[in-house]
N, C-alpha and C. Protein backbone atom coordinates (compact mmCIF):
# COMPACT_ATOMS: atom_id res chain seq x y z
N UNK A 1 123.12 25.77 142.05
CA UNK A 1 121.90 26.47 142.36
C UNK A 1 121.62 27.47 141.24
N UNK A 2 120.41 27.41 140.73
CA UNK A 2 120.02 28.32 139.64
C UNK A 2 119.81 29.73 140.17
N UNK A 3 120.20 30.68 139.37
CA UNK A 3 119.97 32.07 139.74
C UNK A 3 118.66 32.54 139.14
N UNK A 4 118.24 33.72 139.52
CA UNK A 4 116.97 34.25 139.03
C UNK A 4 116.91 34.34 137.52
N UNK A 5 117.99 34.79 136.89
CA UNK A 5 117.98 34.93 135.43
C UNK A 5 117.91 33.57 134.75
N UNK A 6 118.54 32.56 135.33
CA UNK A 6 118.48 31.22 134.76
C UNK A 6 117.06 30.69 134.80
N UNK A 7 116.38 30.90 135.90
CA UNK A 7 114.99 30.45 136.02
C UNK A 7 114.09 31.22 135.06
N UNK A 8 114.32 32.51 134.93
CA UNK A 8 113.51 33.33 134.02
C UNK A 8 113.71 32.88 132.57
N UNK A 9 114.94 32.56 132.19
CA UNK A 9 115.21 32.10 130.83
C UNK A 9 114.55 30.74 130.58
N UNK A 10 114.58 29.87 131.55
CA UNK A 10 113.94 28.56 131.40
C UNK A 10 112.43 28.72 131.24
N UNK A 11 111.83 29.59 132.03
CA UNK A 11 110.39 29.83 131.94
C UNK A 11 110.04 30.44 130.58
N UNK A 12 110.84 31.38 130.10
CA UNK A 12 110.60 32.01 128.81
C UNK A 12 110.68 30.97 127.69
N UNK A 13 111.68 30.11 127.75
CA UNK A 13 111.82 29.07 126.73
C UNK A 13 110.66 28.09 126.74
N UNK A 14 110.20 27.70 127.92
CA UNK A 14 109.05 26.80 128.04
C UNK A 14 107.79 27.45 127.47
N UNK A 15 107.59 28.72 127.80
CA UNK A 15 106.41 29.44 127.30
C UNK A 15 106.46 29.56 125.78
N UNK A 16 107.60 29.88 125.23
CA UNK A 16 107.75 30.01 123.79
C UNK A 16 107.47 28.67 123.09
N UNK A 17 108.00 27.59 123.65
CA UNK A 17 107.77 26.27 123.07
C UNK A 17 106.28 25.92 123.10
N UNK A 18 105.59 26.24 124.18
CA UNK A 18 104.16 25.95 124.29
C UNK A 18 103.36 26.72 123.25
N UNK A 19 103.65 28.00 123.09
CA UNK A 19 102.93 28.82 122.11
C UNK A 19 103.18 28.30 120.69
N UNK A 20 104.41 27.98 120.37
CA UNK A 20 104.71 27.49 119.03
C UNK A 20 104.06 26.13 118.77
N UNK A 21 104.09 25.25 119.76
CA UNK A 21 103.48 23.93 119.59
C UNK A 21 101.97 24.07 119.38
N UNK A 22 101.32 24.90 120.18
CA UNK A 22 99.87 25.09 120.05
C UNK A 22 99.54 25.78 118.74
N UNK A 23 100.34 26.75 118.33
CA UNK A 23 100.10 27.46 117.09
C UNK A 23 100.21 26.56 115.87
N UNK A 24 101.04 25.57 115.94
CA UNK A 24 101.22 24.63 114.81
C UNK A 24 100.30 23.42 114.91
N UNK A 25 99.52 23.34 115.99
CA UNK A 25 98.61 22.21 116.14
C UNK A 25 99.30 20.91 116.52
N UNK A 26 100.46 21.01 117.13
CA UNK A 26 101.25 19.84 117.54
C UNK A 26 100.53 19.14 118.69
N UNK A 27 100.25 17.86 118.57
CA UNK A 27 99.47 17.13 119.57
C UNK A 27 100.37 16.42 120.58
N UNK A 28 99.76 16.01 121.69
CA UNK A 28 100.51 15.25 122.70
C UNK A 28 101.00 13.93 122.11
N UNK A 29 100.19 13.31 121.26
CA UNK A 29 100.60 12.04 120.66
C UNK A 29 101.87 12.22 119.82
N UNK A 30 101.92 13.29 119.05
CA UNK A 30 103.12 13.58 118.26
C UNK A 30 104.31 13.84 119.17
N UNK A 31 104.09 14.56 120.25
CA UNK A 31 105.16 14.85 121.20
C UNK A 31 105.71 13.56 121.81
N UNK A 32 104.82 12.68 122.21
CA UNK A 32 105.24 11.45 122.86
C UNK A 32 106.04 10.54 121.92
N UNK A 33 105.71 10.57 120.64
CA UNK A 33 106.44 9.69 119.71
C UNK A 33 107.75 10.30 119.23
N UNK A 34 107.90 11.63 119.36
CA UNK A 34 109.14 12.25 118.89
C UNK A 34 110.06 12.67 120.02
N UNK A 35 109.65 12.49 121.27
CA UNK A 35 110.48 12.89 122.40
C UNK A 35 111.76 12.07 122.42
N UNK A 36 112.92 12.70 122.59
CA UNK A 36 114.19 11.98 122.50
C UNK A 36 114.40 10.91 123.57
N UNK A 37 113.76 11.03 124.70
CA UNK A 37 113.98 10.03 125.75
C UNK A 37 113.28 8.71 125.45
N UNK A 38 112.23 8.76 124.63
CA UNK A 38 111.55 7.53 124.24
C UNK A 38 110.61 6.98 125.30
N UNK A 39 111.03 6.96 126.55
CA UNK A 39 110.21 6.39 127.61
C UNK A 39 108.93 7.19 127.81
N UNK A 40 108.94 8.45 127.45
CA UNK A 40 107.75 9.28 127.61
C UNK A 40 106.63 8.74 126.74
N UNK A 41 106.96 8.20 125.59
CA UNK A 41 105.95 7.68 124.67
C UNK A 41 105.20 6.48 125.20
N UNK A 42 105.68 5.87 126.27
CA UNK A 42 105.01 4.71 126.83
C UNK A 42 103.94 5.07 127.86
N UNK A 43 103.79 6.34 128.16
CA UNK A 43 102.78 6.76 129.12
C UNK A 43 101.39 6.59 128.51
N UNK A 44 100.48 6.00 129.27
CA UNK A 44 99.13 5.83 128.75
C UNK A 44 98.19 6.93 129.21
N UNK A 45 98.55 7.66 130.25
CA UNK A 45 97.71 8.75 130.76
C UNK A 45 98.17 10.09 130.21
N UNK A 46 97.81 10.36 128.98
CA UNK A 46 98.20 11.63 128.38
C UNK A 46 97.09 12.65 128.59
N UNK A 47 97.45 13.90 128.83
CA UNK A 47 96.41 14.93 128.95
C UNK A 47 95.77 15.20 127.59
N UNK A 48 94.66 15.89 127.60
CA UNK A 48 93.99 16.25 126.35
C UNK A 48 94.87 17.21 125.56
N UNK A 49 94.76 17.14 124.24
CA UNK A 49 95.53 18.05 123.39
C UNK A 49 95.06 19.48 123.61
N UNK A 50 95.99 20.43 123.71
CA UNK A 50 95.58 21.84 123.85
C UNK A 50 94.98 22.35 122.55
N UNK A 51 94.10 23.33 122.66
CA UNK A 51 93.49 23.93 121.47
C UNK A 51 94.54 24.74 120.71
N UNK A 52 94.57 24.64 119.38
CA UNK A 52 95.52 25.44 118.60
C UNK A 52 95.25 26.93 118.78
N UNK A 53 96.29 27.72 118.74
CA UNK A 53 96.16 29.17 118.82
C UNK A 53 96.00 29.73 117.42
N UNK A 54 95.06 30.64 117.19
CA UNK A 54 94.93 31.22 115.85
C UNK A 54 95.99 32.29 115.62
N UNK A 55 96.78 32.12 114.59
CA UNK A 55 97.80 33.10 114.22
C UNK A 55 97.34 33.81 112.96
N UNK A 56 97.44 35.15 112.90
CA UNK A 56 97.05 35.87 111.69
C UNK A 56 98.00 35.51 110.55
N UNK A 57 97.44 35.40 109.36
CA UNK A 57 98.23 35.05 108.18
C UNK A 57 98.94 36.26 107.59
N UNK A 58 98.33 37.43 107.72
CA UNK A 58 98.90 38.64 107.12
C UNK A 58 98.97 39.76 108.16
N UNK A 59 99.65 40.82 107.81
CA UNK A 59 99.73 41.99 108.70
C UNK A 59 98.36 42.62 108.88
N UNK A 60 97.52 42.62 107.84
CA UNK A 60 96.19 43.20 107.92
C UNK A 60 95.33 42.48 108.95
N UNK A 61 95.43 41.15 109.00
CA UNK A 61 94.65 40.38 109.97
C UNK A 61 95.11 40.64 111.39
N UNK A 62 96.37 40.99 111.55
CA UNK A 62 96.92 41.22 112.88
C UNK A 62 96.39 42.52 113.49
N UNK A 63 95.90 43.41 112.68
CA UNK A 63 95.41 44.71 113.19
C UNK A 63 94.04 44.59 113.63
């Protein structure tokens, strides 16, 4: 049985992965072809690709 901290860590990791994937413009098609299980790539009903997140290039843009 997972404890609260285990669930919180899993949620944090999932959120971080989502932000990084969207920030890099990683598409569902790329995910399906690189997923280690392989069977995921055979799904024909893929959701729409999420919009990329804009990341500032410099510290000045971040302000």
